Amino acid sequence: MGTDHFITFAYGSNMPTTRIKARCSSARALGVAELPGYELRWHKKSKDGSGKCDIVPTAQPGVSVFGVLYEIASSEKTDLDSAEGLGLGYDESEIEVHQGANRLNVKAYVAAATDPTLKPYSWYRDLAIAGAKEHGLPDHYIARLEAVPAEKDANQKRHDENMALIGEVLA
């Protein structure tokens, strides 16, 4: 792989193939990866008032974030940056993930502004769950995603559009 592609670690609503392909048509799943020493939080401040996913370093032993690696054409990086709000809510970071015995340095988006009182909208949480199920993340991890408290989005159109993506994933 040359500079014509990059690899990103999707750990939230970008895990479903339909969601990331809607943003970057070249996206190709490379499989599940683990980010040890990090925990998943839903505290990233979103312009819609809800909480979005973030990865945060932790000293707790045995804690990891699971996600999906996607290879994406470099020509589509600005599309993904725009969809993720790079510089407006997320910063980009280089992280080392484990994929089996392999260690890979990949790109990930990390929250620039957080609020621990925020909750995700149900459609956002459900996108993450659908992606986790689609790609076969560990059952215990999926159960943790399913246990996250969520709120109903008052914007019914946005809710319905995102739930339709989930239907495509689980169909």
Protein backbone atom coordinates (compact mmCIF):
# COMPACT_ATOMS: atom_id res chain seq x y z
CA MET A 1 0.00 0.00 0.00
CA GLY A 2 1.40 3.38 -0.99
CA THR A 3 0.37 6.94 -0.25
CA ASP A 4 -2.70 6.58 -2.45
CA HIS A 5 -4.55 5.03 0.54
CA PHE A 6 -4.68 5.42 4.30
CA ILE A 7 -6.06 3.21 7.05
CA THR A 8 -8.49 4.48 9.66
CA PHE A 9 -9.75 2.87 12.85
CA ALA A 10 -13.55 3.17 12.99
CA TYR A 11 -14.86 2.61 16.50
CA GLY A 12 -18.27 4.32 16.54
CA SER A 13 -20.89 5.16 13.94
CA ASN A 14 -18.41 4.65 11.07
CA MET A 15 -18.12 0.92 11.77
CA PRO A 16 -21.05 -0.08 9.51
CA THR A 17 -19.86 -0.53 5.94
CA THR A 18 -22.89 1.31 4.53
CA ARG A 19 -22.19 4.37 6.72
CA ILE A 20 -18.51 4.75 5.84
CA LYS A 21 -19.08 3.94 2.15
CA ALA A 22 -21.68 6.73 2.03
CA ARG A 23 -18.87 9.04 3.13
CA CYS A 24 -15.97 7.41 1.24
CA SER A 25 -16.98 5.11 -1.61
CA SER A 26 -13.52 3.51 -1.80
CA ALA A 27 -13.66 2.29 1.83
CA ARG A 28 -12.67 -1.36 2.12
CA ALA A 29 -12.90 -3.22 5.42
CA LEU A 30 -9.63 -4.82 6.51
CA GLY A 31 -11.08 -6.53 9.57
CA VAL A 32 -11.44 -6.04 13.30
CA ALA A 33 -8.72 -4.41 15.38
CA GLU A 34 -8.18 -3.84 19.09
CA LEU A 35 -6.86 -0.69 20.74
CA PRO A 36 -5.52 -1.82 24.13
CA GLY A 37 -5.13 0.67 26.96
CA TYR A 38 -8.06 2.79 25.78
CA GLU A 39 -11.70 2.98 26.72
CA LEU A 40 -14.70 4.05 24.67
CA ARG A 41 -16.58 7.08 25.91
CA TRP A 42 -19.66 8.77 24.46
CA HIS A 43 -18.77 12.29 25.61
CA LYS A 44 -17.63 14.09 22.46
CA LYS A 45 -19.63 17.31 22.11
CA SER A 46 -21.64 17.25 18.91
CA LYS A 47 -23.22 20.20 17.15
CA ASP A 48 -26.56 18.36 17.45
CA GLY A 49 -26.30 18.42 21.27
CA SER A 50 -25.68 14.72 21.76
CA GLY A 51 -22.62 12.72 22.75
CA LYS A 52 -20.51 10.97 20.13
CA CYS A 53 -17.82 8.30 20.56
CA ASP A 54 -14.28 9.00 21.65
CA ILE A 55 -11.26 6.88 22.55
CA VAL A 56 -9.51 7.79 25.78
CA PRO A 57 -6.28 6.35 27.25
CA THR A 58 -6.79 4.50 30.52
CA ALA A 59 -4.54 2.91 33.13
CA GLN A 60 -7.16 0.22 33.85
CA PRO A 61 -5.65 -3.18 33.08
CA GLY A 62 -7.27 -5.28 30.38
CA VAL A 63 -9.36 -2.45 28.89
CA SER A 64 -9.58 -2.14 25.11
CA VAL A 65 -11.61 -0.51 22.37
CA PHE A 66 -12.55 -2.68 19.41
CA GLY A 67 -13.24 -1.32 15.97
CA VAL A 68 -12.94 -1.87 12.25
CA LEU A 69 -9.99 -0.97 10.05
CA TYR A 70 -10.87 0.61 6.72
CA GLU A 71 -8.55 1.32 3.84
CA ILE A 72 -9.65 4.49 2.05
CA ALA A 73 -8.32 6.30 -1.01
CA SER A 74 -6.27 9.35 -0.04
CA SER A 75 -8.34 11.39 -2.49
CA GLU A 76 -11.34 10.86 -0.16
CA LYS A 77 -9.59 11.88 3.07
CA THR A 78 -11.06 15.39 2.98
CA ASP A 79 -14.55 13.86 2.65
CA LEU A 80 -14.03 11.80 5.80
CA ASP A 81 -12.42 14.74 7.62
CA SER A 82 -15.44 16.88 6.77
CA ALA A 83 -17.95 14.21 7.84
CA GLU A 84 -16.09 13.75 11.13
CA GLY A 85 -15.69 17.46 11.78
CA LEU A 86 -11.90 17.48 11.79
CA GLY A 87 -10.82 20.66 13.55
CA LEU A 88 -14.40 21.32 14.66
CA GLY A 89 -14.88 18.60 17.24
CA TYR A 90 -12.45 15.85 16.37
CA ASP A 91 -8.69 15.95 15.98
CA GLU A 92 -6.75 13.33 14.08
CA SER A 93 -4.34 11.03 15.87
CA GLU A 94 -1.99 8.25 14.89
CA ILE A 95 -2.55 5.17 17.08
CA GLU A 96 -1.22 1.63 17.23
CA VAL A 97 -3.85 -1.07 17.00
CA HIS A 98 -3.56 -4.84 17.24
CA GLN A 99 -4.96 -7.05 14.51
CA GLY A 100 -4.12 -10.53 15.68
CA ALA A 101 -0.34 -10.67 16.01
CA ASN A 102 0.11 -7.60 13.78
CA ARG A 103 0.67 -4.10 15.12
CA LEU A 104 -0.45 -1.32 12.79
CA ASN A 105 -0.14 2.45 12.98
CA VAL A 106 -3.41 3.91 11.74
CA LYS A 107 -5.38 7.14 11.79
CA ALA A 108 -8.20 7.76 14.27
CA TYR A 109 -10.40 10.69 15.22
CA VAL A 110 -10.29 11.76 18.87
CA ALA A 111 -12.56 14.28 20.57
CA ALA A 112 -11.29 17.82 20.94
CA ALA A 113 -14.13 18.93 23.25
CA THR A 114 -15.95 16.68 25.70
CA ASP A 115 -18.77 16.81 28.23
CA PRO A 116 -19.22 13.77 30.49
CA THR A 117 -22.94 14.54 30.98
CA LEU A 118 -23.79 13.96 27.31
CA LYS A 119 -25.57 10.86 26.02
CA PRO A 120 -25.68 9.61 22.44
CA TYR A 121 -28.86 9.57 20.40
CA SER A 122 -30.31 6.09 20.09
CA TRP A 123 -29.68 5.99 16.33
CA TYR A 124 -25.99 6.83 16.87
CA ARG A 125 -25.53 4.14 19.50
CA ASP A 126 -27.45 1.69 17.29
CA LEU A 127 -25.16 2.46 14.31
CA ALA A 128 -22.16 1.50 16.46
CA ILE A 129 -23.92 -1.69 17.60
CA ALA A 130 -24.92 -2.59 14.02
CA GLY A 131 -21.33 -2.12 12.83
CA ALA A 132 -20.01 -4.19 15.73
CA LYS A 133 -22.39 -7.02 14.84
CA GLU A 134 -21.71 -6.73 11.10
CA HIS A 135 -17.97 -7.16 11.62
CA GLY A 136 -18.13 -9.74 14.40
CA LEU A 137 -16.71 -7.78 17.33
CA PRO A 138 -16.59 -9.82 20.57
CA ASP A 139 -19.99 -10.55 22.14
CA HIS A 140 -18.95 -9.04 25.49
CA TYR A 141 -18.02 -5.82 23.71
CA ILE A 142 -21.32 -5.68 21.81
CA ALA A 143 -23.15 -6.19 25.13
CA ARG A 144 -21.30 -3.16 26.56
CA LEU A 145 -22.36 -1.06 23.55
CA GLU A 146 -25.96 -2.20 23.97
CA ALA A 147 -25.90 -1.17 27.66
CA VAL A 148 -25.03 2.48 26.88
CA PRO A 149 -27.91 4.80 27.86
CA ALA A 150 -29.18 6.83 24.91
CA GLU A 151 -31.72 9.55 24.18
CA LYS A 152 -34.29 9.85 21.41
CA ASP A 153 -33.36 12.42 18.77
CA ALA A 154 -36.02 15.14 18.52
CA ASN A 155 -35.15 15.46 14.82
CA GLN A 156 -37.28 12.61 13.48
CA LYS A 157 -35.95 12.97 9.91
CA ARG A 158 -32.33 12.53 11.08
CA HIS A 159 -33.38 9.63 13.29
CA ASP A 160 -35.19 7.89 10.42
CA GLU A 161 -32.35 8.43 7.91
CA ASN A 162 -29.81 6.90 10.27
CA MET A 163 -32.07 4.04 11.30
CA ALA A 164 -32.48 3.22 7.58
CA LEU A 165 -28.69 2.74 7.42
CA ILE A 166 -28.94 0.28 10.29
CA GLY A 167 -31.62 -1.63 8.40
CA GLU A 168 -29.26 -1.95 5.45
CA VAL A 169 -26.48 -3.28 7.71
CA LEU A 170 -28.65 -5.88 9.38
CA ALA A 171 -30.59 -6.91 6.24
